[in-house]
PDB file of N, CA and C in Angstrom:
ATOM      1  N   MET A   1      46.593  19.827 -13.547  1.00  0.00           N
ATOM      2  CA  MET A   1      45.748  18.914 -13.529  1.00  0.00           C
ATOM      3  C   MET A   1      44.668  19.878 -14.153  1.00  0.00           C
ATOM      4  N   SER A   2      43.648  19.432 -15.375  1.00  0.00           N
ATOM      5  CA  SER A   2      42.372  20.048 -15.657  1.00  0.00           C
ATOM      6  C   SER A   2      41.629  20.391 -15.101  1.00  0.00           C
ATOM      7  N   SER A   3      40.356  21.237 -15.007  1.00  0.00           N
ATOM      8  CA  SER A   3      39.728  21.125 -14.243  1.00  0.00           C
ATOM      9  C   SER A   3      38.755  19.695 -14.247  1.00  0.00           C
ATOM     10  N   LYS A   4      38.499  19.160 -15.294  1.00  0.00           N
ATOM     11  CA  LYS A   4      38.500  17.923 -16.062  1.00  0.00           C
ATOM     12  C   LYS A   4      38.493  17.227 -15.004  1.00  0.00           C
ATOM     13  N   GLU A   5      39.650  16.869 -15.104  1.00  0.00           N
ATOM     14  CA  GLU A   5      40.374  15.551 -14.101  1.00  0.00           C
ATOM     15  C   GLU A   5      40.327  15.754 -12.744  1.00  0.00           C
ATOM     16  N   LYS A   6      39.938  16.949 -12.271  1.00  0.00           N
ATOM     17  CA  LYS A   6      39.972  17.399 -11.128  1.00  0.00           C
ATOM     18  C   LYS A   6      38.191  16.738 -10.647  1.00  0.00           C
ATOM     19  N   ILE A   7      37.366  17.219 -11.591  1.00  0.00           N
ATOM     20  CA  ILE A   7      36.350  16.976 -11.178  1.00  0.00           C
ATOM     21  C   ILE A   7      35.548  14.913 -11.254  1.00  0.00           C
ATOM     22  N   GLN A   8      36.840  14.711 -12.334  1.00  0.00           N
ATOM     23  CA  GLN A   8      36.447  13.129 -12.511  1.00  0.00           C
ATOM     24  C   GLN A   8      36.747  12.511 -11.052  1.00  0.00           C
ATOM     25  N   GLU A   9      37.908  13.103 -10.078  1.00  0.00           N
ATOM     26  CA  GLU A   9      38.583  12.534  -9.562  1.00  0.00           C
ATOM     27  C   GLU A   9      37.783  12.798  -8.262  1.00  0.00           C
ATOM     28  N   ASP A  10      37.296  13.980  -8.161  1.00  0.00           N
ATOM     29  CA  ASP A  10      35.621  13.756  -6.918  1.00  0.00           C
ATOM     30  C   ASP A  10      35.044  13.266  -7.301  1.00  0.00           C
ATOM     31  N   VAL A  11      34.339  12.828  -8.234  1.00  0.00           N
ATOM     32  CA  VAL A  11      33.518  12.034  -8.631  1.00  0.00           C
ATOM     33  C   VAL A  11      34.054  10.553  -8.030  1.00  0.00           C
ATOM     34  N   ASP A  12      34.785  10.100  -8.406  1.00  0.00           N
ATOM     35  CA  ASP A  12      35.601   9.074  -7.803  1.00  0.00           C
ATOM     36  C   ASP A  12      35.654   8.889  -6.407  1.00  0.00           C
ATOM     37  N   VAL A  13      36.213   9.858  -6.374  1.00  0.00           N
ATOM     38  CA  VAL A  13      36.393   9.660  -4.664  1.00  0.00           C
ATOM     39  C   VAL A  13      34.488   9.444  -4.625  1.00  0.00           C
ATOM     40  N   LEU A  14      33.692  10.354  -4.403  1.00  0.00           N
ATOM     41  CA  LEU A  14      32.355   9.848  -3.472  1.00  0.00           C
ATOM     42  C   LEU A  14      31.700   9.056  -4.024  1.00  0.00           C
ATOM     43  N   GLU A  15      32.029   7.992  -5.069  1.00  0.00           N
ATOM     44  CA  GLU A  15      31.483   6.837  -5.684  1.00  0.00           C
ATOM     45  C   GLU A  15      31.979   5.622  -4.673  1.00  0.00           C
ATOM     46  N   LYS A  16      33.088   5.985  -4.117  1.00  0.00           N
ATOM     47  CA  LYS A  16      33.669   5.052  -3.028  1.00  0.00           C
ATOM     48  C   LYS A  16      33.126   5.557  -2.212  1.00  0.00           C
ATOM     49  N   GLU A  17      33.002   6.262  -1.687  1.00  0.00           N
ATOM     50  CA  GLU A  17      32.753   7.271   0.170  1.00  0.00           C
ATOM     51  C   GLU A  17      31.262   6.277   0.087  1.00  0.00           C
ATOM     52  N   VAL A  18      30.148   6.802  -1.127  1.00  0.00           N
ATOM     53  CA  VAL A  18      28.843   6.149  -1.294  1.00  0.00           C
ATOM     54  C   VAL A  18      28.569   4.577  -1.467  1.00  0.00           C
ATOM     55  N   GLN A  19      28.628   3.685  -0.403  1.00  0.00           N
ATOM     56  CA  GLN A  19      28.785   2.334  -1.029  1.00  0.00           C
ATOM     57  C   GLN A  19      27.321   1.704  -1.541  1.00  0.00           C
ATOM     58  N   GLN A  20      27.433   1.496  -2.223  1.00  0.00           N
ATOM     59  CA  GLN A  20      26.262   0.678  -2.951  1.00  0.00           C
ATOM     60  C   GLN A  20      25.833  -0.595  -2.755  1.00  0.00           C
ATOM     61  N   HIS A  21      24.666  -0.592  -2.403  1.00  0.00           N
ATOM     62  CA  HIS A  21      24.486  -2.122  -1.560  1.00  0.00           C
ATOM     63  C   HIS A  21      23.119  -2.164  -2.981  1.00  0.00           C
ATOM     64  N   GLU A  22      22.420  -3.388  -2.405  1.00  0.00           N
ATOM     65  CA  GLU A  22      21.722  -4.388  -3.768  1.00  0.00           C
ATOM     66  C   GLU A  22      20.358  -5.104  -2.789  1.00  0.00           C
ATOM     67  N   ILE A  23      19.522  -5.115  -2.840  1.00  0.00           N
ATOM     68  CA  ILE A  23      18.236  -5.932  -2.271  1.00  0.00           C
ATOM     69  C   ILE A  23      17.994  -7.327  -3.388  1.00  0.00           C
ATOM     70  N   ILE A  24      18.260  -8.356  -2.856  1.00  0.00           N
ATOM     71  CA  ILE A  24      18.437  -9.271  -3.062  1.00  0.00           C
ATOM     72  C   ILE A  24      17.228 -10.462  -3.024  1.00  0.00           C
ATOM     73  N   LEU A  25      16.186 -10.834  -3.830  1.00  0.00           N
ATOM     74  CA  LEU A  25      15.342 -11.396  -3.633  1.00  0.00           C
ATOM     75  C   LEU A  25      15.134 -13.138  -4.158  1.00  0.00           C
ATOM     76  N   PHE A  26      14.795 -13.576  -3.128  1.00  0.00           N
ATOM     77  CA  PHE A  26      14.776 -15.233  -3.714  1.00  0.00           C
ATOM     78  C   PHE A  26      13.835 -15.909  -4.019  1.00  0.00           C
ATOM     79  N   ASN A  27      13.111 -16.965  -4.440  1.00  0.00           N
ATOM     80  CA  ASN A  27      12.704 -17.868  -5.167  1.00  0.00           C
ATOM     81  C   ASN A  27      11.507 -18.230  -3.822  1.00  0.00           C
ATOM     82  N   ASP A  28      10.346 -18.595  -3.526  1.00  0.00           N
ATOM     83  CA  ASP A  28       9.591 -18.949  -2.753  1.00  0.00           C
ATOM     84  C   ASP A  28       9.058 -19.924  -3.402  1.00  0.00           C
ATOM     85  N   ASP A  29       7.933 -20.995  -2.883  1.00  0.00           N
ATOM     86  CA  ASP A  29       7.196 -21.859  -3.344  1.00  0.00           C
ATOM     87  C   ASP A  29       5.619 -20.968  -3.086  1.00  0.00           C
ATOM     88  N   VAL A  30       5.801 -20.100  -2.122  1.00  0.00           N
ATOM     89  CA  VAL A  30       4.467 -19.889  -1.626  1.00  0.00           C
ATOM     90  C   VAL A  30       3.952 -18.401  -2.710  1.00  0.00           C
ATOM     91  N   ASN A  31       4.493 -17.575  -2.718  1.00  0.00           N
ATOM     92  CA  ASN A  31       3.607 -16.345  -3.213  1.00  0.00           C
ATOM     93  C   ASN A  31       3.704 -16.877  -5.034  1.00  0.00           C
ATOM     94  N   THR A  32       3.011 -16.205  -5.193  1.00  0.00           N
ATOM     95  CA  THR A  32       2.268 -15.651  -6.812  1.00  0.00           C
ATOM     96  C   THR A  32       3.335 -15.243  -7.450  1.00  0.00           C
ATOM     97  N   PHE A  33       3.176 -14.922  -8.901  1.00  0.00           N
ATOM     98  CA  PHE A  33       4.080 -14.130  -9.706  1.00  0.00           C
ATOM     99  C   PHE A  33       2.989 -12.882  -9.730  1.00  0.00           C
ATOM    100  N   ASP A  34       1.896 -13.150  -9.518  1.00  0.00           N
ATOM    101  CA  ASP A  34       1.490 -11.547  -9.550  1.00  0.00           C
ATOM    102  C   ASP A  34       1.398 -11.113  -8.086  1.00  0.00           C
ATOM    103  N   PHE A  35       1.588 -11.556  -7.143  1.00  0.00           N
ATOM    104  CA  PHE A  35       1.602 -10.937  -5.806  1.00  0.00           C
ATOM    105  C   PHE A  35       3.611 -10.279  -5.857  1.00  0.00           C
ATOM    106  N   VAL A  36       3.999 -10.969  -6.094  1.00  0.00           N
ATOM    107  CA  VAL A  36       5.762 -10.323  -6.409  1.00  0.00           C
ATOM    108  C   VAL A  36       5.740  -9.560  -7.706  1.00  0.00           C
ATOM    109  N   ILE A  37       5.847  -9.552  -8.303  1.00  0.00           N
ATOM    110  CA  ILE A  37       5.191  -8.230  -9.477  1.00  0.00           C
ATOM    111  C   ILE A  37       4.297  -7.173  -9.039  1.00  0.00           C
ATOM    112  N   ASP A  38       3.709  -7.358  -8.239  1.00  0.00           N
ATOM    113  CA  ASP A  38       2.559  -5.989  -7.822  1.00  0.00           C
ATOM    114  C   ASP A  38       3.464  -5.435  -6.452  1.00  0.00           C
ATOM    115  N   SER A  39       4.023  -6.696  -5.568  1.00  0.00           N
ATOM    116  CA  SER A  39       4.812  -5.766  -4.498  1.00  0.00           C
ATOM    117  C   SER A  39       6.207  -5.013  -5.165  1.00  0.00           C
ATOM    118  N   LEU A  40       6.814  -5.381  -6.242  1.00  0.00           N
ATOM    119  CA  LEU A  40       8.196  -4.832  -6.959  1.00  0.00           C
ATOM    120  C   LEU A  40       7.657  -3.260  -7.209  1.00  0.00           C
ATOM    121  N   ILE A  41       6.361  -3.536  -7.727  1.00  0.00           N
ATOM    122  CA  ILE A  41       5.799  -2.358  -8.433  1.00  0.00           C
ATOM    123  C   ILE A  41       5.738  -1.274  -7.296  1.00  0.00           C
ATOM    124  N   ASP A  42       5.096  -1.703  -6.079  1.00  0.00           N
ATOM    125  CA  ASP A  42       4.538  -1.023  -5.308  1.00  0.00           C
ATOM    126  C   ASP A  42       5.720  -0.218  -4.209  1.00  0.00           C
ATOM    127  N   VAL A  43       6.722  -1.592  -3.650  1.00  0.00           N
ATOM    128  CA  VAL A  43       7.895  -1.152  -2.875  1.00  0.00           C
ATOM    129  C   VAL A  43       8.978  -0.964  -3.746  1.00  0.00           C
ATOM    130  N   CYS A  44       9.477  -1.091  -4.863  1.00  0.00           N
ATOM    131  CA  CYS A  44      10.659  -0.596  -5.410  1.00  0.00           C
ATOM    132  C   CYS A  44      10.288   0.214  -6.300  1.00  0.00           C
ATOM    133  N   ASP A  45       9.298   0.581  -6.892  1.00  0.00           N
ATOM    134  CA  ASP A  45       9.462   1.824  -7.475  1.00  0.00           C
ATOM    135  C   ASP A  45       9.740   0.785  -9.689  1.00  0.00           C
ATOM    136  N   HIS A  46       9.206   0.438  -9.361  1.00  0.00           N
ATOM    137  CA  HIS A  46       9.147  -0.953 -10.750  1.00  0.00           C
ATOM    138  C   HIS A  46       8.040  -0.166 -11.540  1.00  0.00           C
ATOM    139  N   THR A  47       8.728  -0.387 -12.922  1.00  0.00           N
ATOM    140  CA  THR A  47       7.784  -0.110 -14.022  1.00  0.00           C
ATOM    141  C   THR A  47       6.746  -1.480 -13.851  1.00  0.00           C
ATOM    142  N   PRO A  48       5.768  -1.910 -14.192  1.00  0.00           N
ATOM    143  CA  PRO A  48       5.362  -3.295 -14.746  1.00  0.00           C
ATOM    144  C   PRO A  48       5.942  -4.219 -15.838  1.00  0.00           C
ATOM    145  N   GLU A  49       7.079  -3.502 -16.690  1.00  0.00           N
ATOM    146  CA  GLU A  49       7.941  -4.681 -17.280  1.00  0.00           C
ATOM    147  C   GLU A  49       8.947  -5.504 -16.621  1.00  0.00           C
ATOM    148  N   GLN A  50       9.693  -3.990 -15.604  1.00  0.00           N
ATOM    149  CA  GLN A  50      10.612  -4.528 -15.014  1.00  0.00           C
ATOM    150  C   GLN A  50      10.228  -5.396 -13.686  1.00  0.00           C
ATOM    151  N   ALA A  51       9.425  -5.152 -13.167  1.00  0.00           N
ATOM    152  CA  ALA A  51       8.361  -6.112 -11.983  1.00  0.00           C
ATOM    153  C   ALA A  51       8.648  -7.995 -12.685  1.00  0.00           C
ATOM    154  N   GLU A  52       7.895  -7.598 -13.796  1.00  0.00           N
ATOM    155  CA  GLU A  52       7.916  -8.921 -14.874  1.00  0.00           C
ATOM    156  C   GLU A  52       8.699  -9.668 -14.630  1.00  0.00           C
ATOM    157  N   GLN A  53      10.119  -9.161 -15.218  1.00  0.00           N
ATOM    158  CA  GLN A  53      11.307  -9.547 -15.470  1.00  0.00           C
ATOM    159  C   GLN A  53      12.073  -9.857 -14.333  1.00  0.00           C
ATOM    160  N   CYS A  54      11.824  -9.336 -13.517  1.00  0.00           N
ATOM    161  CA  CYS A  54      12.766  -9.465 -12.162  1.00  0.00           C
ATOM    162  C   CYS A  54      12.063 -10.928 -11.579  1.00  0.00           C
ATOM    163  N   THR A  55      10.443 -11.099 -11.400  1.00  0.00           N
ATOM    164  CA  THR A  55      10.209 -12.044 -10.992  1.00  0.00           C
ATOM    165  C   THR A  55      10.481 -12.990 -11.696  1.00  0.00           C
ATOM    166  N   TYR A  56      10.512 -13.485 -12.999  1.00  0.00           N
ATOM    167  CA  TYR A  56      10.590 -14.295 -13.854  1.00  0.00           C
ATOM    168  C   TYR A  56      12.582 -14.970 -13.392  1.00  0.00           C
ATOM    169  N   LEU A  57      13.302 -14.135 -13.308  1.00  0.00           N
ATOM    170  CA  LEU A  57      14.531 -14.111 -13.054  1.00  0.00           C
ATOM    171  C   LEU A  57      15.008 -14.972 -11.370  1.00  0.00           C
ATOM    172  N   VAL A  58      14.122 -14.248 -10.883  1.00  0.00           N
ATOM    173  CA  VAL A  58      14.010 -15.070  -9.423  1.00  0.00           C
ATOM    174  C   VAL A  58      13.353 -16.315  -9.596  1.00  0.00           C
ATOM    175  N   HIS A  59      12.443 -16.533 -10.405  1.00  0.00           N
ATOM    176  CA  HIS A  59      11.486 -17.731 -10.576  1.00  0.00           C
ATOM    177  C   HIS A  59      13.035 -19.170 -11.443  1.00  0.00           C
ATOM    178  N   TYR A  60      13.652 -18.400 -12.127  1.00  0.00           N
ATOM    179  CA  TYR A  60      14.136 -19.261 -13.087  1.00  0.00           C
ATOM    180  C   TYR A  60      15.555 -19.747 -12.300  1.00  0.00           C
ATOM    181  N   LYS A  61      16.159 -18.339 -12.105  1.00  0.00           N
ATOM    182  CA  LYS A  61      17.776 -17.867 -11.570  1.00  0.00           C
ATOM    183  C   LYS A  61      17.746 -18.462  -9.949  1.00  0.00           C
ATOM    184  N   GLY A  62      16.534 -18.209  -8.920  1.00  0.00           N
ATOM    185  CA  GLY A  62      16.767 -18.538  -7.836  1.00  0.00           C
ATOM    186  C   GLY A  62      16.649 -16.884  -7.036  1.00  0.00           C
ATOM    187  N   LYS A  63      17.276 -16.380  -7.508  1.00  0.00           N
ATOM    188  CA  LYS A  63      17.440 -14.781  -7.470  1.00  0.00           C
ATOM    189  C   LYS A  63      17.374 -13.910  -8.157  1.00  0.00           C
ATOM    190  N   CYS A  64      17.505 -12.651  -7.779  1.00  0.00           N
ATOM    191  CA  CYS A  64      17.468 -11.359  -8.462  1.00  0.00           C
ATOM    192  C   CYS A  64      17.859 -10.451  -7.708  1.00  0.00           C
ATOM    193  N   ALA A  65      18.645  -9.309  -8.398  1.00  0.00           N
ATOM    194  CA  ALA A  65      18.789  -8.166  -7.366  1.00  0.00           C
ATOM    195  C   ALA A  65      17.836  -7.101  -8.270  1.00  0.00           C
ATOM    196  N   VAL A  66      16.965  -6.466  -7.145  1.00  0.00           N
ATOM    197  CA  VAL A  66      16.145  -5.614  -7.427  1.00  0.00           C
ATOM    198  C   VAL A  66      15.650  -4.322  -7.256  1.00  0.00           C
ATOM    199  N   LYS A  67      16.823  -3.944  -6.647  1.00  0.00           N
ATOM    200  CA  LYS A  67      16.990  -2.635  -5.727  1.00  0.00           C
ATOM    201  C   LYS A  67      18.248  -2.405  -5.602  1.00  0.00           C
ATOM    202  N   THR A  68      18.966  -1.312  -5.959  1.00  0.00           N
ATOM    203  CA  THR A  68      20.468  -1.057  -5.875  1.00  0.00           C
ATOM    204  C   THR A  68      20.736   0.242  -5.185  1.00  0.00           C
ATOM    205  N   GLY A  69      21.394   0.642  -4.235  1.00  0.00           N
ATOM    206  CA  GLY A  69      20.948   2.365  -4.127  1.00  0.00           C
ATOM    207  C   GLY A  69      22.296   2.025  -2.220  1.00  0.00           C
ATOM    208  N   GLU A  70      22.210   3.598  -1.462  1.00  0.00           N
ATOM    209  CA  GLU A  70      22.314   3.340  -0.303  1.00  0.00           C
ATOM    210  C   GLU A  70      21.738   2.115   0.408  1.00  0.00           C
ATOM    211  N   TYR A  71      22.433   1.688   1.564  1.00  0.00           N
ATOM    212  CA  TYR A  71      21.736   0.766   2.627  1.00  0.00           C
ATOM    213  C   TYR A  71      20.349   1.857   3.033  1.00  0.00           C
ATOM    214  N   GLU A  72      20.764   2.781   3.519  1.00  0.00           N
ATOM    215  CA  GLU A  72      19.374   3.446   4.244  1.00  0.00           C
ATOM    216  C   GLU A  72      17.950   3.423   3.637  1.00  0.00           C
ATOM    217  N   GLU A  73      18.994   3.785   2.020  1.00  0.00           N
ATOM    218  CA  GLU A  73      17.326   3.934   1.292  1.00  0.00           C
ATOM    219  C   GLU A  73      16.797   2.454   1.246  1.00  0.00           C
ATOM    220  N   LEU A  74      17.168   1.028   0.935  1.00  0.00           N
ATOM    221  CA  LEU A  74      16.910   0.146   0.602  1.00  0.00           C
ATOM    222  C   LEU A  74      16.592  -0.313   1.791  1.00  0.00           C
ATOM    223  N   LYS A  75      16.877  -0.108   3.613  1.00  0.00           N
ATOM    224  CA  LYS A  75      16.658  -0.954   4.729  1.00  0.00           C
ATOM    225  C   LYS A  75      14.826  -1.087   4.800  1.00  0.00           C
ATOM    226  N   PRO A  76      14.304   0.533   4.528  1.00  0.00           N
ATOM    227  CA  PRO A  76      12.767   0.292   4.633  1.00  0.00           C
ATOM    228  C   PRO A  76      12.272  -0.179   3.535  1.00  0.00           C
ATOM    229  N   ARG A  77      12.671  -0.385   2.601  1.00  0.00           N
ATOM    230  CA  ARG A  77      11.991  -1.082   1.301  1.00  0.00           C
ATOM    231  C   ARG A  77      11.972  -2.797   1.350  1.00  0.00           C
ATOM    232  N   CYS A  78      13.706  -2.948   2.065  1.00  0.00           N
ATOM    233  CA  CYS A  78      13.925  -4.369   2.444  1.00  0.00           C
ATOM    234  C   CYS A  78      12.452  -4.858   2.984  1.00  0.00           C
ATOM    235  N   SER A  79      12.573  -4.370   4.341  1.00  0.00           N
ATOM    236  CA  SER A  79      11.655  -4.673   5.484  1.00  0.00           C
ATOM    237  C   SER A  79      10.485  -4.826   5.031  1.00  0.00           C
ATOM    238  N   ARG A  80      10.116  -3.748   4.153  1.00  0.00           N
ATOM    239  CA  ARG A  80       8.655  -4.078   3.545  1.00  0.00           C
ATOM    240  C   ARG A  80       8.531  -5.192   2.531  1.00  0.00           C
ATOM    241  N   LEU A  81      10.008  -5.701   2.322  1.00  0.00           N
ATOM    242  CA  LEU A  81       9.378  -6.672   0.882  1.00  0.00           C
ATOM    243  C   LEU A  81       9.064  -8.120   1.855  1.00  0.00           C
ATOM    244  N   LEU A  82      10.028  -8.182   3.139  1.00  0.00           N
ATOM    245  CA  LEU A  82       9.257  -9.023   4.097  1.00  0.00           C
ATOM    246  C   LEU A  82       8.531  -8.943   4.811  1.00  0.00           C
ATOM    247  N   SER A  83       7.611  -7.873   4.956  1.00  0.00           N
ATOM    248  CA  SER A  83       6.860  -7.929   5.592  1.00  0.00           C
ATOM    249  C   SER A  83       5.355  -8.472   4.964  1.00  0.00           C
ATOM    250  N   ARG A  84       6.229  -8.342   3.620  1.00  0.00           N
ATOM    251  CA  ARG A  84       4.735  -9.154   2.743  1.00  0.00           C
ATOM    252  C   ARG A  84       4.980 -10.602   2.386  1.00  0.00           C
ATOM    253  N   GLY A  85       6.070 -11.242   3.290  1.00  0.00           N
ATOM    254  CA  GLY A  85       5.946 -12.768   3.227  1.00  0.00           C
ATOM    255  C   GLY A  85       7.206 -12.633   2.124  1.00  0.00           C
ATOM    256  N   LEU A  86       8.029 -12.051   1.512  1.00  0.00           N
ATOM    257  CA  LEU A  86       8.874 -12.412   0.467  1.00  0.00           C
ATOM    258  C   LEU A  86      10.602 -12.464   1.200  1.00  0.00           C
ATOM    259  N   SER A  87      11.006 -13.732   0.084  1.00  0.00           N
ATOM    260  CA  SER A  87      12.349 -13.326   1.074  1.00  0.00           C
ATOM    261  C   SER A  87      13.480 -12.717   0.356  1.00  0.00           C
ATOM    262  N   ALA A  88      14.085 -11.591   0.937  1.00  0.00           N
ATOM    263  CA  ALA A  88      14.927 -10.317   0.471  1.00  0.00           C
ATOM    264  C   ALA A  88      15.943 -10.649   1.285  1.00  0.00           C
ATOM    265  N   GLU A  89      16.963  -9.709   1.107  1.00  0.00           N
ATOM    266  CA  GLU A  89      18.179  -9.690   1.873  1.00  0.00           C
ATOM    267  C   GLU A  89      18.911  -8.356   1.532  1.00  0.00           C
ATOM    268  N   ILE A  90      19.910  -7.689   2.043  1.00  0.00           N
ATOM    269  CA  ILE A  90      20.817  -6.143   1.420  1.00  0.00           C
ATOM    270  C   ILE A  90      21.933  -6.899   1.329  1.00  0.00           C
ATOM    271  N   VAL A  91      23.010  -6.942   0.439  1.00  0.00           N
ATOM    272  CA  VAL A  91      24.234  -7.518   0.159  1.00  0.00           C
ATOM    273  C   VAL A  91      24.907  -5.885  -0.088  1.00  0.00           C
TER     274      VAL A  91
END
């Protein structure tokens, strides 16, 4: 096995060990577009363009994955979205 193959094998193993999760944001009839956009910028570190695109997806599709990462990293972010009155869950 070449060193390149060994490195790729190690990366594959690490990716399996680090389970990736997503915060899913759901549509509601309460919060304004601007509030959701500002929340995504503040809580999820979105750019204004990213936040606007996600907000439109949530509005028209009913939900959108707004952040991907490890569960422990996403948990406080999801809690902050929920505390703002947004509908979100980690999957």
